[in-house]
Amino acid sequence: MKQHYFIGFLLVCFLLLSNTLTAQNTIAPGFSLEKPIEGLSIYPNPVTGTKVYITSNNNSSKEVEVFNVLGKQVLSSFMTGKELDVSELTPGIYILKIKEGTNQATRKLIVR
């Protein structure tokens, strides 16, 4: 008799849960696709000195943000040329977020 109650309980739970489950939405709110920066080049990577050169086909001004692997912003710069001074960064792996006009790109940067 206990088995019938247990099976009935499981059946009721399954029916209740199956009516409330929905597919997961994979698009995060506020998420927009990047418009790539044409001809973007970042060199040298890995960085062994104090300068990183960031160029593109437009070579217009760029807003560059550097984040550590924990997501904390460690550097922010507005570039009118192509040199970015990274002498403040300790050796490690970083994420560059580059904006040029309405275009943006995200790249990995390694500092040695």
N, C-alpha and C. Protein backbone atom coordinates (compact mmCIF):
# COMPACT_ATOMS: atom_id res chain seq x y z
N MET A 1 0.83 -1.19 0.00
CA MET A 1 0.00 0.00 0.00
C MET A 1 0.87 1.26 0.00
N LYS A 2 1.99 1.22 0.75
CA LYS A 2 2.87 2.37 0.80
C LYS A 2 3.47 2.66 -0.58
N GLN A 3 3.73 1.60 -1.36
CA GLN A 3 4.29 1.79 -2.69
C GLN A 3 3.34 2.56 -3.59
N HIS A 4 2.04 2.28 -3.49
CA HIS A 4 1.06 2.96 -4.33
C HIS A 4 1.00 4.44 -4.01
N TYR A 5 1.08 4.78 -2.72
CA TYR A 5 1.08 6.19 -2.34
C TYR A 5 2.32 6.89 -2.85
N PHE A 6 3.48 6.21 -2.73
CA PHE A 6 4.75 6.79 -3.17
C PHE A 6 4.74 7.01 -4.68
N ILE A 7 4.26 6.04 -5.44
CA ILE A 7 4.19 6.16 -6.89
C ILE A 7 3.20 7.26 -7.27
N GLY A 8 2.09 7.32 -6.59
CA GLY A 8 1.11 8.37 -6.83
C GLY A 8 1.69 9.75 -6.53
N PHE A 9 2.42 9.86 -5.44
CA PHE A 9 3.07 11.12 -5.07
C PHE A 9 4.05 11.56 -6.15
N LEU A 10 4.87 10.61 -6.63
CA LEU A 10 5.82 10.94 -7.69
C LEU A 10 5.11 11.36 -8.97
N LEU A 11 4.02 10.71 -9.29
CA LEU A 11 3.26 11.06 -10.48
C LEU A 11 2.68 12.47 -10.38
N VAL A 12 2.12 12.81 -9.23
CA VAL A 12 1.57 14.14 -9.03
C VAL A 12 2.67 15.20 -9.11
N CYS A 13 3.81 14.93 -8.47
CA CYS A 13 4.94 15.88 -8.54
C CYS A 13 5.39 16.08 -9.98
N PHE A 14 5.50 15.00 -10.74
CA PHE A 14 5.91 15.10 -12.13
C PHE A 14 4.93 15.94 -12.93
N LEU A 15 3.64 15.70 -12.74
CA LEU A 15 2.63 16.45 -13.49
C LEU A 15 2.65 17.94 -13.14
N LEU A 16 2.83 18.24 -11.86
CA LEU A 16 2.88 19.64 -11.44
C LEU A 16 4.10 20.35 -12.00
N LEU A 17 5.23 19.67 -11.95
CA LEU A 17 6.47 20.29 -12.45
C LEU A 17 6.50 20.41 -13.96
N SER A 18 5.95 19.43 -14.65
CA SER A 18 6.00 19.47 -16.11
C SER A 18 5.15 20.61 -16.68
N ASN A 19 4.13 21.03 -15.98
CA ASN A 19 3.30 22.14 -16.44
C ASN A 19 3.95 23.49 -16.21
N THR A 20 4.89 23.57 -15.25
CA THR A 20 5.51 24.86 -14.94
C THR A 20 6.87 25.05 -15.59
N LEU A 21 7.42 24.00 -16.17
CA LEU A 21 8.73 24.11 -16.79
C LEU A 21 8.62 24.75 -18.16
N THR A 22 9.55 25.64 -18.47
CA THR A 22 9.61 26.26 -19.78
C THR A 22 11.05 26.18 -20.28
N ALA A 23 11.22 26.39 -21.55
CA ALA A 23 12.56 26.37 -22.12
C ALA A 23 13.35 27.56 -21.63
N GLN A 24 14.66 27.38 -21.49
CA GLN A 24 15.52 28.45 -21.01
C GLN A 24 15.80 29.43 -22.14
N ASN A 25 15.70 30.71 -21.83
CA ASN A 25 16.02 31.76 -22.78
C ASN A 25 17.52 31.97 -22.77
N THR A 26 18.18 31.80 -23.91
CA THR A 26 19.64 31.90 -23.95
C THR A 26 20.13 33.31 -24.23
N ILE A 27 19.24 34.24 -24.54
CA ILE A 27 19.66 35.62 -24.80
C ILE A 27 19.51 36.41 -23.51
N ALA A 28 20.62 36.92 -23.02
CA ALA A 28 20.60 37.69 -21.78
C ALA A 28 19.95 39.05 -22.02
N PRO A 29 19.22 39.56 -21.03
CA PRO A 29 18.61 40.87 -21.21
C PRO A 29 19.68 41.94 -21.39
N GLY A 30 19.47 42.83 -22.33
CA GLY A 30 20.42 43.91 -22.56
C GLY A 30 21.62 43.49 -23.38
N PHE A 31 21.65 42.24 -23.84
CA PHE A 31 22.79 41.73 -24.60
C PHE A 31 22.65 42.14 -26.06
N SER A 32 23.70 42.68 -26.61
CA SER A 32 23.69 43.01 -28.03
C SER A 32 24.93 42.42 -28.68
N LEU A 33 24.79 42.07 -29.92
CA LEU A 33 25.92 41.49 -30.65
C LEU A 33 26.93 42.58 -30.97
N GLU A 34 28.21 42.21 -30.92
CA GLU A 34 29.26 43.16 -31.24
C GLU A 34 29.28 43.43 -32.74
N LYS A 35 29.46 44.70 -33.10
CA LYS A 35 29.76 45.04 -34.48
C LYS A 35 31.28 45.07 -34.55
N PRO A 36 31.88 44.16 -35.29
CA PRO A 36 33.34 44.03 -35.26
C PRO A 36 34.06 45.27 -35.80
N ILE A 37 35.25 45.47 -35.29
CA ILE A 37 36.13 46.54 -35.77
C ILE A 37 36.95 45.97 -36.91
N GLU A 38 36.79 46.54 -38.09
CA GLU A 38 37.47 46.00 -39.26
C GLU A 38 38.98 46.20 -39.18
N GLY A 39 39.72 45.14 -39.44
CA GLY A 39 41.17 45.20 -39.48
C GLY A 39 41.81 45.38 -38.12
N LEU A 40 41.11 45.01 -37.04
CA LEU A 40 41.66 45.19 -35.69
C LEU A 40 42.90 44.32 -35.51
N SER A 41 43.96 44.95 -35.01
CA SER A 41 45.21 44.25 -34.75
C SER A 41 45.77 44.71 -33.42
N ILE A 42 46.15 43.75 -32.58
CA ILE A 42 46.73 44.04 -31.27
C ILE A 42 48.07 43.31 -31.20
N TYR A 43 49.13 44.07 -31.03
CA TYR A 43 50.46 43.45 -31.01
C TYR A 43 51.40 44.25 -30.12
N PRO A 44 52.42 43.69 -29.55
CA PRO A 44 52.68 42.25 -29.47
C PRO A 44 51.77 41.61 -28.42
N ASN A 45 51.42 40.40 -28.63
CA ASN A 45 50.62 39.65 -27.67
C ASN A 45 51.13 38.22 -27.65
N PRO A 46 51.83 37.81 -26.63
CA PRO A 46 51.97 38.37 -25.29
C PRO A 46 52.89 39.58 -25.25
N VAL A 47 52.57 40.48 -24.32
CA VAL A 47 53.32 41.72 -24.13
C VAL A 47 54.51 41.44 -23.22
N THR A 48 55.69 41.86 -23.66
CA THR A 48 56.88 41.72 -22.82
C THR A 48 57.42 43.08 -22.39
N GLY A 49 56.97 44.15 -23.03
CA GLY A 49 57.41 45.50 -22.69
C GLY A 49 56.33 46.27 -21.97
N THR A 50 56.28 47.57 -22.23
CA THR A 50 55.30 48.42 -21.57
C THR A 50 54.25 48.96 -22.52
N LYS A 51 54.37 48.68 -23.82
CA LYS A 51 53.44 49.22 -24.82
C LYS A 51 52.76 48.11 -25.59
N VAL A 52 51.47 48.34 -25.88
CA VAL A 52 50.70 47.49 -26.79
C VAL A 52 50.21 48.41 -27.90
N TYR A 53 50.25 47.93 -29.11
CA TYR A 53 49.81 48.72 -30.25
C TYR A 53 48.48 48.17 -30.75
N ILE A 54 47.50 49.05 -30.85
CA ILE A 54 46.16 48.67 -31.30
C ILE A 54 45.84 49.48 -32.53
N THR A 55 45.67 48.79 -33.65
CA THR A 55 45.37 49.47 -34.91
C THR A 55 44.13 48.86 -35.55
N SER A 56 43.53 49.63 -36.46
CA SER A 56 42.38 49.14 -37.22
C SER A 56 42.40 49.82 -38.58
N ASN A 57 41.48 49.44 -39.44
CA ASN A 57 41.40 50.07 -40.77
C ASN A 57 41.08 51.56 -40.66
N ASN A 58 40.20 51.94 -39.72
CA ASN A 58 39.83 53.35 -39.55
C ASN A 58 40.92 54.17 -38.88
N ASN A 59 41.63 53.58 -37.95
CA ASN A 59 42.62 54.26 -37.12
C ASN A 59 42.05 55.52 -36.48
N SER A 60 40.78 55.47 -36.10
CA SER A 60 40.17 56.59 -35.38
C SER A 60 40.36 56.37 -33.88
N SER A 61 39.91 57.33 -33.08
CA SER A 61 40.10 57.23 -31.63
C SER A 61 39.34 56.02 -31.08
N LYS A 62 39.90 55.46 -30.00
CA LYS A 62 39.35 54.25 -29.40
C LYS A 62 39.25 54.42 -27.89
N GLU A 63 38.21 53.83 -27.34
CA GLU A 63 38.08 53.73 -25.89
C GLU A 63 38.45 52.31 -25.52
N VAL A 64 39.46 52.15 -24.66
CA VAL A 64 39.95 50.83 -24.29
C VAL A 64 39.79 50.62 -22.79
N GLU A 65 39.19 49.51 -22.42
CA GLU A 65 39.08 49.12 -21.02
C GLU A 65 39.77 47.78 -20.86
N VAL A 66 40.52 47.62 -19.77
CA VAL A 66 41.24 46.38 -19.50
C VAL A 66 40.68 45.80 -18.20
N PHE A 67 40.31 44.51 -18.25
CA PHE A 67 39.75 43.82 -17.11
C PHE A 67 40.63 42.62 -16.75
N ASN A 68 40.75 42.34 -15.44
CA ASN A 68 41.46 41.13 -15.04
C ASN A 68 40.52 39.94 -15.19
N VAL A 69 40.99 38.73 -14.90
CA VAL A 69 40.17 37.54 -15.11
C VAL A 69 39.01 37.45 -14.14
N LEU A 70 39.01 38.25 -13.10
CA LEU A 70 37.90 38.28 -12.16
C LEU A 70 36.82 39.28 -12.58
N GLY A 71 37.08 40.02 -13.67
CA GLY A 71 36.11 40.97 -14.18
C GLY A 71 36.26 42.38 -13.63
N LYS A 72 37.31 42.62 -12.85
CA LYS A 72 37.53 43.95 -12.28
C LYS A 72 38.28 44.81 -13.30
N GLN A 73 37.78 46.01 -13.51
CA GLN A 73 38.44 46.92 -14.44
C GLN A 73 39.73 47.42 -13.80
N VAL A 74 40.86 47.22 -14.51
CA VAL A 74 42.16 47.61 -13.97
C VAL A 74 42.79 48.77 -14.74
N LEU A 75 42.24 49.10 -15.91
CA LEU A 75 42.79 50.19 -16.71
C LEU A 75 41.72 50.68 -17.68
N SER A 76 41.66 51.99 -17.86
CA SER A 76 40.75 52.59 -18.82
C SER A 76 41.51 53.70 -19.53
N SER A 77 41.38 53.75 -20.85
CA SER A 77 42.13 54.74 -21.61
C SER A 77 41.35 55.15 -22.85
N PHE A 78 41.52 56.41 -23.25
CA PHE A 78 40.97 56.92 -24.50
C PHE A 78 42.16 57.16 -25.41
N MET A 79 42.26 56.40 -26.48
CA MET A 79 43.43 56.45 -27.37
C MET A 79 43.13 57.25 -28.63
N THR A 80 44.02 58.19 -28.95
CA THR A 80 43.92 58.88 -30.23
C THR A 80 44.99 58.36 -31.18
N GLY A 81 46.04 57.76 -30.65
CA GLY A 81 47.09 57.14 -31.46
C GLY A 81 46.90 55.64 -31.47
N LYS A 82 48.02 54.92 -31.56
CA LYS A 82 47.90 53.46 -31.57
C LYS A 82 48.60 52.80 -30.39
N GLU A 83 49.22 53.56 -29.48
CA GLU A 83 49.94 52.99 -28.35
C GLU A 83 49.09 52.98 -27.09
N LEU A 84 49.14 51.86 -26.38
CA LEU A 84 48.50 51.75 -25.07
C LEU A 84 49.58 51.38 -24.07
N ASP A 85 49.73 52.19 -23.02
CA ASP A 85 50.73 51.95 -21.99
C ASP A 85 50.17 50.93 -20.99
N VAL A 86 50.82 49.78 -20.89
CA VAL A 86 50.38 48.73 -19.97
C VAL A 86 51.41 48.49 -18.86
N SER A 87 52.23 49.49 -18.59
CA SER A 87 53.28 49.33 -17.59
C SER A 87 52.72 49.12 -16.19
N GLU A 88 51.47 49.56 -15.94
CA GLU A 88 50.84 49.39 -14.63
C GLU A 88 50.35 47.96 -14.38
N LEU A 89 50.24 47.17 -15.43
CA LEU A 89 49.68 45.83 -15.31
C LEU A 89 50.73 44.82 -14.85
N THR A 90 50.35 43.98 -13.91
CA THR A 90 51.23 42.90 -13.47
C THR A 90 51.09 41.74 -14.46
N PRO A 91 52.08 40.85 -14.52
CA PRO A 91 51.98 39.72 -15.44
C PRO A 91 50.72 38.90 -15.19
N GLY A 92 50.04 38.54 -16.27
CA GLY A 92 48.81 37.76 -16.17
C GLY A 92 48.00 37.84 -17.45
N ILE A 93 46.77 37.37 -17.35
CA ILE A 93 45.87 37.34 -18.49
C ILE A 93 44.79 38.40 -18.26
N TYR A 94 44.51 39.18 -19.29
CA TYR A 94 43.55 40.28 -19.20
C TYR A 94 42.59 40.23 -20.39
N ILE A 95 41.48 40.92 -20.25
CA ILE A 95 40.50 41.05 -21.32
C ILE A 95 40.46 42.51 -21.74
N LEU A 96 40.63 42.76 -23.04
CA LEU A 96 40.55 44.11 -23.59
C LEU A 96 39.17 44.31 -24.19
N LYS A 97 38.53 45.41 -23.85
CA LYS A 97 37.27 45.79 -24.48
C LYS A 97 37.55 47.08 -25.23
N ILE A 98 37.43 47.03 -26.54
CA ILE A 98 37.81 48.14 -27.40
C ILE A 98 36.56 48.66 -28.10
N LYS A 99 36.35 49.98 -28.02
CA LYS A 99 35.23 50.62 -28.72
C LYS A 99 35.79 51.65 -29.68
N GLU A 100 35.33 51.58 -30.93
CA GLU A 100 35.73 52.54 -31.95
C GLU A 100 34.45 53.00 -32.65
N GLY A 101 33.98 54.16 -32.28
CA GLY A 101 32.69 54.63 -32.81
C GLY A 101 31.58 53.74 -32.29
N THR A 102 30.78 53.17 -33.19
CA THR A 102 29.70 52.26 -32.80
C THR A 102 30.15 50.81 -32.80
N ASN A 103 31.37 50.55 -33.23
CA ASN A 103 31.91 49.19 -33.28
C ASN A 103 32.65 48.87 -31.99
N GLN A 104 32.64 47.60 -31.63
CA GLN A 104 33.39 47.19 -30.44
C GLN A 104 33.89 45.76 -30.61
N ALA A 105 34.94 45.46 -29.85
CA ALA A 105 35.53 44.12 -29.89
C ALA A 105 36.08 43.79 -28.52
N THR A 106 36.18 42.51 -28.24
CA THR A 106 36.74 42.00 -27.00
C THR A 106 37.85 41.03 -27.35
N ARG A 107 39.01 41.23 -26.75
CA ARG A 107 40.15 40.36 -27.03
C ARG A 107 40.89 40.01 -25.76
N LYS A 108 41.64 38.91 -25.81
CA LYS A 108 42.47 38.48 -24.69
C LYS A 108 43.86 39.09 -24.84
N LEU A 109 44.44 39.53 -23.72
CA LEU A 109 45.79 40.08 -23.72
C LEU A 109 46.59 39.38 -22.64
N ILE A 110 47.79 38.95 -22.99
CA ILE A 110 48.68 38.29 -22.04
C ILE A 110 49.85 39.21 -21.77
N VAL A 111 50.11 39.49 -20.49
CA VAL A 111 51.23 40.34 -20.09
C VAL A 111 52.22 39.45 -19.38
N ARG A 112 53.49 39.50 -19.83
CA ARG A 112 54.54 38.68 -19.19
C ARG A 112 55.48 39.53 -18.41
